[in-house]
Amino acid sequence: MRITRWLTGGIFLLATACAQPEKAREESGENPVVNFKGVTFRQEFKDSLQLALEDYHKLTVNLAFGDTSIADMRATLLGERFEYLAVAHEGLDTNQTHALAMNTGSIAAELKGMYMEKAGLEGRRIAYHTASEQLYDFLKLTGVPGKPLYWLYCKDAFGGKGAYWLAEEKGSYNPYMGRESKPCEEVKETLK
């Protein structure tokens, strides 16, 4: 009986490992990614992603103002936008479609879980930070559909641990320190 379970488990792990998308040798981003060089995304995808980014920027402002109830609603809506983002289309192979779906699923889960945070505004900001890093990785794969975005860093966030976020312009609201805080942002990268 134990041997059967061991063999079944081993076969499952082997099958799972074989089904994983092929990883490209990328030096940037936190996670290894599938290669998307040369891929042209449909306008429907770009439009959907642009709407999601608009909601992301609104969520940034909600957190900067410390409005947790509006931030919860915005995060849930944004999570649904990512959950239903049109990632599968012609021109993408199975590995690319799977990688996009995994990324959008991770972003959606983080955002939709934000309202369950019991740690108040600070907990929501932590969830936002995680989602921001995931979104950054996603945009490194797909490109930015509209105008360029700034990848900003605040060294004072989270008691000096620092945190990142995406913004349409320099000098935007800081979701980690609030609107009354001293400026602490530093542009780390411009995404196009």
Protein backbone atom coordinates (compact mmCIF):
# COMPACT_ATOMS: atom_id res chain seq x y z
CA MET A 1 0.00 0.00 0.00
CA ARG A 2 2.80 2.45 0.87
CA ILE A 3 4.66 1.61 -2.33
CA THR A 4 1.54 2.31 -4.38
CA ARG A 5 1.08 5.72 -2.71
CA TRP A 6 4.76 6.50 -3.19
CA LEU A 7 4.64 5.53 -6.87
CA THR A 8 1.41 7.46 -7.44
CA GLY A 9 2.86 10.53 -5.71
CA GLY A 10 6.09 10.25 -7.68
CA ILE A 11 4.25 9.95 -10.99
CA PHE A 12 2.09 12.98 -10.07
CA LEU A 13 5.18 15.05 -9.21
CA LEU A 14 6.91 14.00 -12.40
CA ALA A 15 3.84 14.85 -14.50
CA THR A 16 3.51 18.20 -12.75
CA ALA A 17 7.17 19.03 -13.31
CA CYS A 18 6.93 18.11 -17.00
CA ALA A 19 3.86 20.34 -17.45
CA GLN A 20 5.61 23.48 -16.19
CA PRO A 21 6.34 26.14 -18.80
CA GLU A 22 9.84 26.41 -20.14
CA LYS A 23 11.74 29.17 -18.37
CA ALA A 24 13.68 31.82 -20.22
CA ARG A 25 16.99 33.10 -18.93
CA GLU A 26 15.86 36.49 -17.65
CA GLU A 27 17.96 38.45 -15.23
CA SER A 28 15.29 40.97 -14.25
CA GLY A 29 12.23 40.40 -12.11
CA GLU A 30 11.85 38.28 -9.04
CA ASN A 31 10.47 35.19 -10.79
CA PRO A 32 11.86 33.27 -13.73
CA VAL A 33 9.62 33.96 -16.71
CA VAL A 34 8.62 32.55 -20.07
CA ASN A 35 10.10 34.41 -23.02
CA PHE A 36 7.70 36.95 -24.59
CA LYS A 37 10.14 38.65 -26.93
CA GLY A 38 8.49 39.37 -30.26
CA VAL A 39 4.93 38.76 -29.01
CA THR A 40 2.32 41.28 -30.09
CA PHE A 41 -0.65 41.49 -27.75
CA ARG A 42 -4.16 42.12 -29.08
CA GLN A 43 -5.77 45.51 -28.53
CA GLU A 44 -8.47 43.88 -26.37
CA PHE A 45 -5.76 42.70 -23.97
CA LYS A 46 -4.08 46.13 -23.92
CA ASP A 47 -7.41 47.89 -23.28
CA SER A 48 -8.29 45.51 -20.44
CA LEU A 49 -4.87 45.93 -18.89
CA GLN A 50 -5.13 49.73 -19.19
CA LEU A 51 -8.46 49.67 -17.28
CA ALA A 52 -6.83 47.53 -14.59
CA LEU A 53 -3.93 49.99 -14.32
CA GLU A 54 -6.36 52.89 -13.91
CA ASP A 55 -7.96 51.05 -10.99
CA TYR A 56 -4.51 50.30 -9.57
CA HIS A 57 -3.71 54.03 -9.54
CA LYS A 58 -7.03 54.77 -7.82
CA LEU A 59 -6.22 52.11 -5.21
CA THR A 60 -2.88 53.85 -4.66
CA VAL A 61 -4.70 57.09 -3.84
CA ASN A 62 -7.17 55.27 -1.55
CA LEU A 63 -4.28 53.82 0.46
CA ALA A 64 -2.45 57.17 0.55
CA PHE A 65 -5.59 58.73 2.04
CA GLY A 66 -5.96 55.81 4.48
CA ASP A 67 -9.47 55.00 3.25
CA THR A 68 -9.64 51.26 3.91
CA SER A 69 -13.31 50.74 2.98
CA ILE A 70 -12.90 52.29 -0.49
CA ALA A 71 -9.51 50.56 -0.88
CA ASP A 72 -11.17 47.20 -0.13
CA MET A 73 -13.80 47.74 -2.83
CA ARG A 74 -11.21 49.00 -5.30
CA ALA A 75 -8.89 46.05 -4.60
CA THR A 76 -11.74 43.57 -5.12
CA LEU A 77 -12.69 45.20 -8.44
CA LEU A 78 -9.05 45.29 -9.52
CA GLY A 79 -8.62 41.64 -8.55
CA GLU A 80 -11.58 40.74 -10.75
CA ARG A 81 -10.13 42.74 -13.63
CA PHE A 82 -6.96 40.65 -13.42
CA GLU A 83 -8.86 37.42 -12.90
CA TYR A 84 -10.77 37.96 -16.15
CA LEU A 85 -8.02 39.61 -18.18
CA ALA A 86 -8.08 38.23 -21.73
CA VAL A 87 -4.71 36.46 -21.72
CA ALA A 88 -5.38 33.63 -24.19
CA HIS A 89 -5.21 34.61 -27.84
CA GLU A 90 -3.60 33.65 -31.11
CA GLY A 91 0.10 34.29 -31.33
CA LEU A 92 0.79 32.90 -27.84
CA ASP A 93 1.91 29.35 -27.25
CA THR A 94 0.58 27.25 -24.38
CA ASN A 95 3.52 28.11 -22.11
CA GLN A 96 3.04 31.83 -22.63
CA THR A 97 -0.72 31.66 -22.02
CA HIS A 98 -0.16 29.56 -18.90
CA ALA A 99 2.48 31.97 -17.56
CA LEU A 100 0.19 34.98 -18.07
CA ALA A 101 -2.72 33.19 -16.42
CA MET A 102 -0.54 32.25 -13.43
CA ASN A 103 0.63 35.85 -13.06
CA THR A 104 -2.83 37.37 -13.33
CA GLY A 105 -4.18 34.73 -10.92
CA SER A 106 -1.53 35.62 -8.33
CA ILE A 107 -2.24 39.34 -8.64
CA ALA A 108 -6.00 38.75 -8.42
CA ALA A 109 -5.68 36.54 -5.33
CA GLU A 110 -3.51 39.07 -3.51
CA LEU A 111 -5.87 41.95 -4.27
CA LYS A 112 -9.08 40.08 -3.56
CA GLY A 113 -7.68 38.94 -0.22
CA MET A 114 -6.82 42.50 0.80
CA TYR A 115 -10.22 43.15 2.37
CA MET A 116 -9.70 40.16 4.67
CA GLU A 117 -6.61 41.72 6.19
CA LYS A 118 -7.09 41.97 9.94
CA ALA A 119 -4.04 44.18 10.36
CA GLY A 120 -5.88 47.35 9.29
CA LEU A 121 -4.34 49.86 6.94
CA GLU A 122 -0.81 48.48 7.44
CA GLY A 123 -1.94 44.97 6.42
CA ARG A 124 -3.61 46.34 3.33
CA ARG A 125 -0.46 48.22 2.43
CA ILE A 126 1.55 45.01 2.75
CA ALA A 127 -0.87 43.21 0.41
CA TYR A 128 -0.70 46.16 -1.99
CA HIS A 129 3.10 45.98 -1.94
CA THR A 130 3.04 42.28 -2.84
CA ALA A 131 0.52 42.90 -5.63
CA SER A 132 2.62 45.83 -6.90
CA GLU A 133 5.70 43.63 -7.21
CA GLN A 134 3.65 40.97 -9.02
CA LEU A 135 2.20 43.61 -11.34
CA TYR A 136 5.69 44.95 -12.03
CA ASP A 137 6.83 41.45 -13.04
CA PHE A 138 3.72 41.08 -15.22
CA LEU A 139 4.33 44.39 -16.99
CA LYS A 140 7.95 43.41 -17.60
CA LEU A 141 6.52 40.45 -19.56
CA THR A 142 3.76 42.23 -21.44
CA GLY A 143 4.88 45.83 -21.67
CA VAL A 144 2.85 48.84 -20.59
CA PRO A 145 -0.26 49.42 -22.75
CA GLY A 146 -0.48 53.21 -22.35
CA LYS A 147 1.87 55.93 -21.29
CA PRO A 148 5.05 54.99 -19.42
CA LEU A 149 4.89 54.09 -15.73
CA TYR A 150 7.40 54.84 -13.01
CA TRP A 151 8.58 52.11 -10.66
CA LEU A 152 8.95 54.13 -7.47
CA TYR A 153 10.66 53.24 -4.21
CA CYS A 154 10.18 54.71 -0.74
CA LYS A 155 12.98 53.77 1.66
CA ASP A 156 10.96 54.96 4.68
CA ALA A 157 7.98 52.62 4.10
CA PHE A 158 7.32 49.85 6.62
CA GLY A 159 9.58 51.28 9.28
CA GLY A 160 12.58 51.71 7.00
CA LYS A 161 12.28 48.37 5.16
CA GLY A 162 11.22 50.15 1.99
CA ALA A 163 8.54 49.41 -0.61
CA TYR A 164 7.80 49.83 -4.31
CA TRP A 165 4.78 50.93 -6.33
CA LEU A 166 3.87 51.93 -9.88
CA ALA A 167 2.81 55.49 -10.74
CA GLU A 168 1.87 57.46 -13.82
CA GLU A 169 3.87 60.47 -12.73
CA LYS A 170 6.66 61.38 -10.37
CA GLY A 171 5.50 63.04 -7.18
CA SER A 172 2.30 60.99 -7.03
CA TYR A 173 0.59 59.87 -3.85
CA ASN A 174 2.61 57.54 -1.65
CA PRO A 175 0.40 54.56 -0.72
CA TYR A 176 2.68 53.59 2.18
CA MET A 177 3.25 56.86 3.99
CA GLY A 178 0.03 58.77 3.44
CA ARG A 179 -0.60 62.10 1.79
CA GLU A 180 0.83 64.19 4.63
CA SER A 181 4.23 62.50 4.63
CA LYS A 182 7.48 64.01 3.46
CA PRO A 183 8.46 62.96 -0.08
CA CYS A 184 10.56 59.83 -0.04
CA GLU A 185 10.09 58.43 -3.54
CA GLU A 186 12.93 57.48 -5.79
CA VAL A 187 12.41 56.49 -9.43
CA LYS A 188 14.01 53.08 -9.90
CA GLU A 189 12.84 52.41 -13.45
CA THR A 190 10.58 53.70 -16.21
CA LEU A 191 8.42 51.01 -17.80
CA LYS A 192 7.28 51.45 -21.39
